[in-house]
PDB file of N, CA and C in Angstrom:
ATOM      1  N   MET A   1     -55.244  49.190 -92.295  1.00  0.00           N
ATOM      2  CA  MET A   1     -55.853  50.021 -91.268  1.00  0.00           C
ATOM      3  C   MET A   1     -55.160  50.786 -89.675  1.00  0.00           C
ATOM      4  N   PRO A   2     -55.262  51.544 -89.134  1.00  0.00           N
ATOM      5  CA  PRO A   2     -54.403  52.124 -88.332  1.00  0.00           C
ATOM      6  C   PRO A   2     -54.730  51.379 -87.188  1.00  0.00           C
ATOM      7  N   LYS A   3     -53.655  51.269 -86.200  1.00  0.00           N
ATOM      8  CA  LYS A   3     -54.016  50.660 -84.695  1.00  0.00           C
ATOM      9  C   LYS A   3     -54.522  51.753 -83.568  1.00  0.00           C
ATOM     10  N   GLY A   4     -55.701  51.131 -82.642  1.00  0.00           N
ATOM     11  CA  GLY A   4     -55.808  52.072 -81.660  1.00  0.00           C
ATOM     12  C   GLY A   4     -55.128  51.871 -80.541  1.00  0.00           C
ATOM     13  N   TYR A   5     -54.701  53.338 -79.711  1.00  0.00           N
ATOM     14  CA  TYR A   5     -54.104  53.313 -78.877  1.00  0.00           C
ATOM     15  C   TYR A   5     -54.845  53.903 -77.818  1.00  0.00           C
ATOM     16  N   TRP A   6     -55.143  53.166 -76.311  1.00  0.00           N
ATOM     17  CA  TRP A   6     -55.314  53.766 -75.298  1.00  0.00           C
ATOM     18  C   TRP A   6     -54.722  54.141 -74.048  1.00  0.00           C
ATOM     19  N   VAL A   7     -54.633  55.583 -74.176  1.00  0.00           N
ATOM     20  CA  VAL A   7     -53.453  56.118 -73.323  1.00  0.00           C
ATOM     21  C   VAL A   7     -54.767  56.116 -71.705  1.00  0.00           C
ATOM     22  N   THR A   8     -53.960  55.800 -70.748  1.00  0.00           N
ATOM     23  CA  THR A   8     -54.270  56.175 -69.224  1.00  0.00           C
ATOM     24  C   THR A   8     -53.217  56.807 -68.302  1.00  0.00           C
ATOM     25  N   THR A   9     -53.195  57.717 -68.093  1.00  0.00           N
ATOM     26  CA  THR A   9     -52.345  58.325 -67.083  1.00  0.00           C
ATOM     27  C   THR A   9     -53.231  58.599 -65.551  1.00  0.00           C
ATOM     28  N   TYR A  10     -52.203  58.287 -64.687  1.00  0.00           N
ATOM     29  CA  TYR A  10     -53.359  58.306 -63.185  1.00  0.00           C
ATOM     30  C   TYR A  10     -52.888  59.625 -62.485  1.00  0.00           C
ATOM     31  N   ARG A  11     -53.870  60.686 -62.048  1.00  0.00           N
ATOM     32  CA  ARG A  11     -53.523  62.153 -62.068  1.00  0.00           C
ATOM     33  C   ARG A  11     -52.826  61.752 -60.271  1.00  0.00           C
ATOM     34  N   SER A  12     -53.775  60.392 -59.770  1.00  0.00           N
ATOM     35  CA  SER A  12     -53.459  60.215 -58.589  1.00  0.00           C
ATOM     36  C   SER A  12     -53.903  58.574 -57.901  1.00  0.00           C
ATOM     37  N   ILE A  13     -54.057  57.781 -57.174  1.00  0.00           N
ATOM     38  CA  ILE A  13     -53.990  56.831 -57.134  1.00  0.00           C
ATOM     39  C   ILE A  13     -54.469  56.619 -55.032  1.00  0.00           C
ATOM     40  N   LYS A  14     -56.024  56.583 -55.297  1.00  0.00           N
ATOM     41  CA  LYS A  14     -56.278  56.626 -53.789  1.00  0.00           C
ATOM     42  C   LYS A  14     -56.747  55.731 -52.727  1.00  0.00           C
ATOM     43  N   ASP A  15     -57.033  54.189 -53.586  1.00  0.00           N
ATOM     44  CA  ASP A  15     -56.962  53.284 -52.778  1.00  0.00           C
ATOM     45  C   ASP A  15     -55.803  52.210 -53.986  1.00  0.00           C
ATOM     46  N   PRO A  16     -55.204  51.602 -53.503  1.00  0.00           N
ATOM     47  CA  PRO A  16     -54.333  51.238 -54.540  1.00  0.00           C
ATOM     48  C   PRO A  16     -54.987  49.342 -54.203  1.00  0.00           C
ATOM     49  N   ALA A  17     -56.033  48.999 -53.420  1.00  0.00           N
ATOM     50  CA  ALA A  17     -56.739  47.688 -53.588  1.00  0.00           C
ATOM     51  C   ALA A  17     -57.903  47.454 -54.662  1.00  0.00           C
ATOM     52  N   LYS A  18     -58.325  49.319 -54.876  1.00  0.00           N
ATOM     53  CA  LYS A  18     -59.444  49.751 -55.745  1.00  0.00           C
ATOM     54  C   LYS A  18     -58.764  49.372 -57.422  1.00  0.00           C
ATOM     55  N   VAL A  19     -57.207  49.658 -57.197  1.00  0.00           N
ATOM     56  CA  VAL A  19     -56.980  49.537 -58.923  1.00  0.00           C
ATOM     57  C   VAL A  19     -56.099  48.239 -59.076  1.00  0.00           C
ATOM     58  N   ALA A  20     -56.424  47.220 -57.925  1.00  0.00           N
ATOM     59  CA  ALA A  20     -55.580  46.363 -58.234  1.00  0.00           C
ATOM     60  C   ALA A  20     -56.744  45.450 -58.976  1.00  0.00           C
ATOM     61  N   ALA A  21     -57.917  45.304 -57.591  1.00  0.00           N
ATOM     62  CA  ALA A  21     -59.262  45.146 -58.334  1.00  0.00           C
ATOM     63  C   ALA A  21     -59.527  45.255 -59.426  1.00  0.00           C
ATOM     64  N   TYR A  22     -59.533  46.325 -59.763  1.00  0.00           N
ATOM     65  CA  TYR A  22     -59.790  46.806 -61.483  1.00  0.00           C
ATOM     66  C   TYR A  22     -58.752  46.257 -62.462  1.00  0.00           C
ATOM     67  N   ALA A  23     -57.590  46.236 -62.299  1.00  0.00           N
ATOM     68  CA  ALA A  23     -56.921  45.559 -63.263  1.00  0.00           C
ATOM     69  C   ALA A  23     -56.977  44.363 -63.311  1.00  0.00           C
ATOM     70  N   ALA A  24     -57.181  43.655 -62.347  1.00  0.00           N
ATOM     71  CA  ALA A  24     -57.473  41.956 -62.110  1.00  0.00           C
ATOM     72  C   ALA A  24     -58.872  42.143 -63.611  1.00  0.00           C
ATOM     73  N   LEU A  25     -59.616  42.665 -63.548  1.00  0.00           N
ATOM     74  CA  LEU A  25     -61.169  42.544 -63.814  1.00  0.00           C
ATOM     75  C   LEU A  25     -60.874  43.496 -65.348  1.00  0.00           C
ATOM     76  N   ALA A  26     -60.566  44.168 -65.710  1.00  0.00           N
ATOM     77  CA  ALA A  26     -60.004  45.018 -67.137  1.00  0.00           C
ATOM     78  C   ALA A  26     -59.061  44.876 -67.992  1.00  0.00           C
ATOM     79  N   GLY A  27     -57.764  43.456 -67.521  1.00  0.00           N
ATOM     80  CA  GLY A  27     -56.982  42.827 -68.418  1.00  0.00           C
ATOM     81  C   GLY A  27     -57.130  42.144 -69.378  1.00  0.00           C
ATOM     82  N   PRO A  28     -58.295  41.331 -68.477  1.00  0.00           N
ATOM     83  CA  PRO A  28     -58.350  40.175 -69.740  1.00  0.00           C
ATOM     84  C   PRO A  28     -59.573  40.930 -70.537  1.00  0.00           C
ATOM     85  N   VAL A  29     -60.399  41.718 -70.534  1.00  0.00           N
ATOM     86  CA  VAL A  29     -61.399  41.821 -70.828  1.00  0.00           C
ATOM     87  C   VAL A  29     -60.706  42.648 -72.476  1.00  0.00           C
ATOM     88  N   MET A  30     -59.378  43.777 -71.682  1.00  0.00           N
ATOM     89  CA  MET A  30     -58.773  44.380 -73.158  1.00  0.00           C
ATOM     90  C   MET A  30     -57.770  43.234 -73.756  1.00  0.00           C
ATOM     91  N   THR A  31     -58.070  41.894 -73.234  1.00  0.00           N
ATOM     92  CA  THR A  31     -57.121  40.977 -73.755  1.00  0.00           C
ATOM     93  C   THR A  31     -57.867  40.808 -74.921  1.00  0.00           C
ATOM     94  N   GLU A  32     -59.289  40.205 -74.672  1.00  0.00           N
ATOM     95  CA  GLU A  32     -60.023  39.837 -75.718  1.00  0.00           C
ATOM     96  C   GLU A  32     -60.384  40.624 -76.587  1.00  0.00           C
ATOM     97  N   TYR A  33     -59.857  41.837 -76.438  1.00  0.00           N
ATOM     98  CA  TYR A  33     -60.398  42.997 -77.547  1.00  0.00           C
ATOM     99  C   TYR A  33     -59.345  43.304 -78.535  1.00  0.00           C
ATOM    100  N   GLY A  34     -58.090  42.688 -78.167  1.00  0.00           N
ATOM    101  CA  GLY A  34     -56.911  42.862 -78.830  1.00  0.00           C
ATOM    102  C   GLY A  34     -56.072  43.348 -78.311  1.00  0.00           C
ATOM    103  N   CYS A  35     -56.210  43.856 -77.297  1.00  0.00           N
ATOM    104  CA  CYS A  35     -55.046  44.952 -76.716  1.00  0.00           C
ATOM    105  C   CYS A  35     -53.847  44.388 -76.302  1.00  0.00           C
ATOM    106  N   ARG A  36     -52.715  44.578 -76.777  1.00  0.00           N
ATOM    107  CA  ARG A  36     -51.119  44.590 -76.429  1.00  0.00           C
ATOM    108  C   ARG A  36     -50.668  45.594 -75.638  1.00  0.00           C
ATOM    109  N   TYR A  37     -50.140  45.519 -74.324  1.00  0.00           N
ATOM    110  CA  TYR A  37     -49.561  46.602 -73.667  1.00  0.00           C
ATOM    111  C   TYR A  37     -48.124  46.988 -74.278  1.00  0.00           C
ATOM    112  N   LEU A  38     -48.152  48.324 -74.222  1.00  0.00           N
ATOM    113  CA  LEU A  38     -47.074  48.855 -75.055  1.00  0.00           C
ATOM    114  C   LEU A  38     -46.177  48.789 -73.435  1.00  0.00           C
ATOM    115  N   CYS A  39     -46.543  50.116 -72.475  1.00  0.00           N
ATOM    116  CA  CYS A  39     -46.132  50.110 -70.773  1.00  0.00           C
ATOM    117  C   CYS A  39     -47.453  50.297 -70.217  1.00  0.00           C
ATOM    118  N   ARG A  40     -47.446  49.473 -68.870  1.00  0.00           N
ATOM    119  CA  ARG A  40     -47.885  49.972 -67.657  1.00  0.00           C
ATOM    120  C   ARG A  40     -46.587  50.027 -66.736  1.00  0.00           C
ATOM    121  N   GLY A  41     -46.986  50.971 -65.661  1.00  0.00           N
ATOM    122  CA  GLY A  41     -45.982  51.667 -64.436  1.00  0.00           C
ATOM    123  C   GLY A  41     -45.995  52.307 -64.075  1.00  0.00           C
ATOM    124  N   PRO A  42     -45.337  53.020 -63.047  1.00  0.00           N
ATOM    125  CA  PRO A  42     -45.014  54.021 -62.855  1.00  0.00           C
ATOM    126  C   PRO A  42     -44.265  55.278 -63.684  1.00  0.00           C
ATOM    127  N   ALA A  43     -44.474  56.309 -63.797  1.00  0.00           N
ATOM    128  CA  ALA A  43     -43.631  56.861 -64.793  1.00  0.00           C
ATOM    129  C   ALA A  43     -42.485  57.018 -64.289  1.00  0.00           C
ATOM    130  N   ALA A  44     -41.203  56.970 -65.336  1.00  0.00           N
ATOM    131  CA  ALA A  44     -39.911  57.146 -64.971  1.00  0.00           C
ATOM    132  C   ALA A  44     -39.530  58.771 -64.628  1.00  0.00           C
ATOM    133  N   VAL A  45     -39.960  59.708 -65.603  1.00  0.00           N
ATOM    134  CA  VAL A  45     -39.590  60.881 -65.435  1.00  0.00           C
ATOM    135  C   VAL A  45     -40.978  61.342 -65.851  1.00  0.00           C
ATOM    136  N   ALA A  46     -41.239  62.872 -65.215  1.00  0.00           N
ATOM    137  CA  ALA A  46     -42.378  63.643 -65.231  1.00  0.00           C
ATOM    138  C   ALA A  46     -41.631  65.456 -65.464  1.00  0.00           C
ATOM    139  N   HIS A  47     -41.872  65.715 -67.308  1.00  0.00           N
ATOM    140  CA  HIS A  47     -42.172  66.722 -67.659  1.00  0.00           C
ATOM    141  C   HIS A  47     -43.152  67.861 -67.255  1.00  0.00           C
ATOM    142  N   GLU A  48     -43.624  68.661 -67.619  1.00  0.00           N
ATOM    143  CA  GLU A  48     -44.564  70.218 -68.497  1.00  0.00           C
ATOM    144  C   GLU A  48     -46.076  69.811 -67.439  1.00  0.00           C
ATOM    145  N   GLN A  49     -45.547  70.182 -66.178  1.00  0.00           N
ATOM    146  CA  GLN A  49     -47.418  69.749 -65.623  1.00  0.00           C
ATOM    147  C   GLN A  49     -47.467  68.223 -65.420  1.00  0.00           C
ATOM    148  N   GLY A  50     -46.819  67.166 -65.709  1.00  0.00           N
ATOM    149  CA  GLY A  50     -46.554  65.607 -65.580  1.00  0.00           C
ATOM    150  C   GLY A  50     -46.707  65.268 -64.299  1.00  0.00           C
ATOM    151  N   VAL A  51     -47.175  64.040 -63.714  1.00  0.00           N
ATOM    152  CA  VAL A  51     -47.366  63.430 -62.847  1.00  0.00           C
ATOM    153  C   VAL A  51     -46.487  62.066 -62.625  1.00  0.00           C
ATOM    154  N   LYS A  52     -45.654  61.934 -61.768  1.00  0.00           N
ATOM    155  CA  LYS A  52     -44.843  60.738 -61.673  1.00  0.00           C
ATOM    156  C   LYS A  52     -45.401  59.733 -61.307  1.00  0.00           C
ATOM    157  N   GLU A  53     -46.893  59.599 -61.922  1.00  0.00           N
ATOM    158  CA  GLU A  53     -47.667  57.959 -61.007  1.00  0.00           C
ATOM    159  C   GLU A  53     -47.941  57.429 -62.221  1.00  0.00           C
ATOM    160  N   ARG A  54     -48.536  56.450 -62.284  1.00  0.00           N
ATOM    161  CA  ARG A  54     -49.119  54.847 -63.008  1.00  0.00           C
ATOM    162  C   ARG A  54     -49.430  55.776 -64.807  1.00  0.00           C
ATOM    163  N   VAL A  55     -48.976  55.107 -65.911  1.00  0.00           N
ATOM    164  CA  VAL A  55     -49.005  55.375 -66.868  1.00  0.00           C
ATOM    165  C   VAL A  55     -49.614  53.621 -67.760  1.00  0.00           C
ATOM    166  N   VAL A  56     -50.573  53.738 -68.269  1.00  0.00           N
ATOM    167  CA  VAL A  56     -51.084  52.735 -69.376  1.00  0.00           C
ATOM    168  C   VAL A  56     -51.580  53.127 -70.757  1.00  0.00           C
ATOM    169  N   VAL A  57     -50.124  52.471 -71.513  1.00  0.00           N
ATOM    170  CA  VAL A  57     -50.696  52.608 -73.010  1.00  0.00           C
ATOM    171  C   VAL A  57     -50.779  50.931 -73.752  1.00  0.00           C
ATOM    172  N   GLY A  58     -52.322  50.771 -74.174  1.00  0.00           N
ATOM    173  CA  GLY A  58     -52.414  49.916 -74.861  1.00  0.00           C
ATOM    174  C   GLY A  58     -52.454  49.920 -76.234  1.00  0.00           C
ATOM    175  N   GLU A  59     -52.085  48.969 -77.302  1.00  0.00           N
ATOM    176  CA  GLU A  59     -52.489  49.293 -78.479  1.00  0.00           C
ATOM    177  C   GLU A  59     -53.479  47.776 -79.072  1.00  0.00           C
ATOM    178  N   PHE A  60     -54.368  48.366 -79.495  1.00  0.00           N
ATOM    179  CA  PHE A  60     -55.504  47.892 -80.382  1.00  0.00           C
ATOM    180  C   PHE A  60     -55.439  47.367 -81.660  1.00  0.00           C
ATOM    181  N   PRO A  61     -55.988  46.804 -82.463  1.00  0.00           N
ATOM    182  CA  PRO A  61     -56.043  46.180 -83.797  1.00  0.00           C
ATOM    183  C   PRO A  61     -56.519  47.456 -84.609  1.00  0.00           C
ATOM    184  N   SER A  62     -57.224  48.705 -83.559  1.00  0.00           N
ATOM    185  CA  SER A  62     -57.967  49.516 -84.232  1.00  0.00           C
ATOM    186  C   SER A  62     -58.681  50.279 -83.648  1.00  0.00           C
ATOM    187  N   LEU A  63     -58.755  51.586 -83.906  1.00  0.00           N
ATOM    188  CA  LEU A  63     -59.775  52.665 -82.478  1.00  0.00           C
ATOM    189  C   LEU A  63     -60.942  51.837 -82.372  1.00  0.00           C
ATOM    190  N   ALA A  64     -61.401  51.413 -83.472  1.00  0.00           N
ATOM    191  CA  ALA A  64     -62.913  50.940 -83.339  1.00  0.00           C
ATOM    192  C   ALA A  64     -62.832  50.115 -82.014  1.00  0.00           C
ATOM    193  N   ALA A  65     -61.863  48.949 -82.053  1.00  0.00           N
ATOM    194  CA  ALA A  65     -61.411  48.070 -81.100  1.00  0.00           C
ATOM    195  C   ALA A  65     -60.995  48.264 -79.514  1.00  0.00           C
ATOM    196  N   ALA A  66     -60.878  49.669 -79.350  1.00  0.00           N
ATOM    197  CA  ALA A  66     -60.391  50.186 -78.414  1.00  0.00           C
ATOM    198  C   ALA A  66     -61.843  50.250 -77.658  1.00  0.00           C
ATOM    199  N   ILE A  67     -62.361  51.649 -78.287  1.00  0.00           N
ATOM    200  CA  ILE A  67     -63.563  52.118 -78.084  1.00  0.00           C
ATOM    201  C   ILE A  67     -64.525  50.845 -77.802  1.00  0.00           C
ATOM    202  N   ALA A  68     -64.632  50.047 -78.420  1.00  0.00           N
ATOM    203  CA  ALA A  68     -65.784  48.949 -78.482  1.00  0.00           C
ATOM    204  C   ALA A  68     -65.086  48.192 -76.884  1.00  0.00           C
ATOM    205  N   CYS A  69     -63.906  48.030 -76.881  1.00  0.00           N
ATOM    206  CA  CYS A  69     -63.787  47.510 -74.679  1.00  0.00           C
ATOM    207  C   CYS A  69     -64.028  48.331 -74.032  1.00  0.00           C
ATOM    208  N   HIS A  70     -63.757  49.551 -74.347  1.00  0.00           N
ATOM    209  CA  HIS A  70     -63.996  50.443 -73.388  1.00  0.00           C
ATOM    210  C   HIS A  70     -65.329  50.536 -72.824  1.00  0.00           C
ATOM    211  N   ASP A  71     -66.293  50.378 -73.903  1.00  0.00           N
ATOM    212  CA  ASP A  71     -67.739  50.511 -73.759  1.00  0.00           C
ATOM    213  C   ASP A  71     -68.609  49.315 -73.610  1.00  0.00           C
ATOM    214  N   SER A  72     -67.538  47.984 -73.967  1.00  0.00           N
ATOM    215  CA  SER A  72     -68.105  46.649 -73.282  1.00  0.00           C
ATOM    216  C   SER A  72     -68.665  46.062 -71.773  1.00  0.00           C
ATOM    217  N   PRO A  73     -69.354  45.547 -71.893  1.00  0.00           N
ATOM    218  CA  PRO A  73     -69.745  44.579 -70.403  1.00  0.00           C
ATOM    219  C   PRO A  73     -68.773  44.794 -69.062  1.00  0.00           C
ATOM    220  N   GLY A  74     -68.063  43.937 -69.883  1.00  0.00           N
ATOM    221  CA  GLY A  74     -66.451  43.305 -68.858  1.00  0.00           C
ATOM    222  C   GLY A  74     -66.041  44.461 -68.160  1.00  0.00           C
ATOM    223  N   TYR A  75     -65.594  45.819 -69.428  1.00  0.00           N
ATOM    224  CA  TYR A  75     -65.024  46.771 -69.147  1.00  0.00           C
ATOM    225  C   TYR A  75     -65.956  47.757 -68.125  1.00  0.00           C
ATOM    226  N   GLN A  76     -66.809  47.765 -68.077  1.00  0.00           N
ATOM    227  CA  GLN A  76     -67.735  48.591 -67.598  1.00  0.00           C
ATOM    228  C   GLN A  76     -67.888  47.956 -66.001  1.00  0.00           C
ATOM    229  N   LYS A  77     -67.913  47.269 -66.112  1.00  0.00           N
ATOM    230  CA  LYS A  77     -67.923  45.791 -64.725  1.00  0.00           C
ATOM    231  C   LYS A  77     -66.768  46.853 -63.934  1.00  0.00           C
ATOM    232  N   ALA A  78     -65.631  46.343 -64.525  1.00  0.00           N
ATOM    233  CA  ALA A  78     -64.257  46.855 -63.892  1.00  0.00           C
ATOM    234  C   ALA A  78     -64.213  48.176 -63.282  1.00  0.00           C
ATOM    235  N   LEU A  79     -64.664  49.422 -64.429  1.00  0.00           N
ATOM    236  CA  LEU A  79     -64.656  50.506 -63.766  1.00  0.00           C
ATOM    237  C   LEU A  79     -65.757  50.619 -62.444  1.00  0.00           C
ATOM    238  N   GLU A  80     -66.523  49.727 -62.255  1.00  0.00           N
ATOM    239  CA  GLU A  80     -67.465  49.968 -61.227  1.00  0.00           C
ATOM    240  C   GLU A  80     -66.410  49.856 -59.915  1.00  0.00           C
ATOM    241  N   VAL A  81     -65.909  48.545 -60.435  1.00  0.00           N
ATOM    242  CA  VAL A  81     -65.138  48.225 -59.060  1.00  0.00           C
ATOM    243  C   VAL A  81     -63.626  49.541 -58.558  1.00  0.00           C
ATOM    244  N   LEU A  82     -62.834  50.063 -59.592  1.00  0.00           N
ATOM    245  CA  LEU A  82     -62.653  50.848 -59.743  1.00  0.00           C
ATOM    246  C   LEU A  82     -63.065  52.307 -58.770  1.00  0.00           C
ATOM    247  N   ALA A  83     -64.450  52.491 -58.890  1.00  0.00           N
ATOM    248  CA  ALA A  83     -64.970  53.346 -58.508  1.00  0.00           C
ATOM    249  C   ALA A  83     -63.884  54.761 -58.178  1.00  0.00           C
ATOM    250  N   ASP A  84     -63.974  55.155 -56.989  1.00  0.00           N
ATOM    251  CA  ASP A  84     -63.087  56.202 -56.437  1.00  0.00           C
ATOM    252  C   ASP A  84     -62.058  55.820 -56.021  1.00  0.00           C
ATOM    253  N   GLY A  85     -61.335  54.856 -56.632  1.00  0.00           N
ATOM    254  CA  GLY A  85     -59.896  54.515 -56.050  1.00  0.00           C
ATOM    255  C   GLY A  85     -58.613  55.058 -56.871  1.00  0.00           C
ATOM    256  N   ALA A  86     -58.964  55.965 -57.840  1.00  0.00           N
ATOM    257  CA  ALA A  86     -58.062  56.660 -58.579  1.00  0.00           C
ATOM    258  C   ALA A  86     -58.810  57.315 -59.603  1.00  0.00           C
ATOM    259  N   VAL A  87     -57.797  58.693 -59.785  1.00  0.00           N
ATOM    260  CA  VAL A  87     -58.106  60.322 -60.607  1.00  0.00           C
ATOM    261  C   VAL A  87     -57.091  59.861 -61.851  1.00  0.00           C
ATOM    262  N   ARG A  88     -58.266  58.983 -63.034  1.00  0.00           N
ATOM    263  CA  ARG A  88     -57.022  59.194 -64.084  1.00  0.00           C
ATOM    264  C   ARG A  88     -57.643  59.947 -65.514  1.00  0.00           C
ATOM    265  N   ASP A  89     -56.254  60.334 -66.295  1.00  0.00           N
ATOM    266  CA  ASP A  89     -57.386  60.686 -67.590  1.00  0.00           C
ATOM    267  C   ASP A  89     -56.895  59.856 -68.495  1.00  0.00           C
ATOM    268  N   MET A  90     -58.270  59.558 -69.529  1.00  0.00           N
ATOM    269  CA  MET A  90     -58.005  58.165 -70.680  1.00  0.00           C
ATOM    270  C   MET A  90     -58.290  59.131 -71.584  1.00  0.00           C
ATOM    271  N   ARG A  91     -57.062  58.595 -72.723  1.00  0.00           N
ATOM    272  CA  ARG A  91     -57.794  59.114 -74.347  1.00  0.00           C
ATOM    273  C   ARG A  91     -57.389  57.874 -75.465  1.00  0.00           C
ATOM    274  N   PHE A  92     -58.283  57.894 -76.273  1.00  0.00           N
ATOM    275  CA  PHE A  92     -58.046  57.188 -77.317  1.00  0.00           C
ATOM    276  C   PHE A  92     -57.170  57.735 -78.546  1.00  0.00           C
ATOM    277  N   VAL A  93     -56.527  57.344 -78.928  1.00  0.00           N
ATOM    278  CA  VAL A  93     -55.862  58.007 -80.114  1.00  0.00           C
ATOM    279  C   VAL A  93     -55.675  57.164 -81.576  1.00  0.00           C
ATOM    280  N   GLU A  94     -56.301  57.314 -82.563  1.00  0.00           N
ATOM    281  CA  GLU A  94     -55.665  56.665 -84.082  1.00  0.00           C
ATOM    282  C   GLU A  94     -54.019  56.575 -83.918  1.00  0.00           C
ATOM    283  N   GLY A  95     -53.756  55.554 -84.928  1.00  0.00           N
ATOM    284  CA  GLY A  95     -52.319  55.683 -85.052  1.00  0.00           C
ATOM    285  C   GLY A  95     -52.130  56.259 -86.121  1.00  0.00           C
ATOM    286  N   VAL A  96     -50.729  56.453 -86.534  1.00  0.00           N
ATOM    287  CA  VAL A  96     -50.496  57.114 -87.908  1.00  0.00           C
ATOM    288  C   VAL A  96     -50.516  56.451 -89.223  1.00  0.00           C
ATOM    289  N   GLU A  97     -50.462  54.781 -88.622  1.00  0.00           N
ATOM    290  CA  GLU A  97     -50.103  53.912 -89.761  1.00  0.00           C
ATOM    291  C   GLU A  97     -51.445  53.001 -89.703  1.00  0.00           C
TER     292      GLU A  97
END
């Protein structure tokens, strides 16, 4: 079964404290759903309309696990805490193998 990837790019961070509070809640929930972080931190280089802000890529056992994590009550609580603290672009992608 192909793995699922959760790719989040931050367009802007308005309130670092809200982002930190979100991360403290979201991290354990994502781990519960089998997430393994492949990268998280500021972009080293940005090209083609890219923004040198935070990027997070999480690998899940499956695309279904990534979606279930996002839709879970625990992750939704983390989103409530984040609120307007950041502008993000989030995508879920299925692996090729």
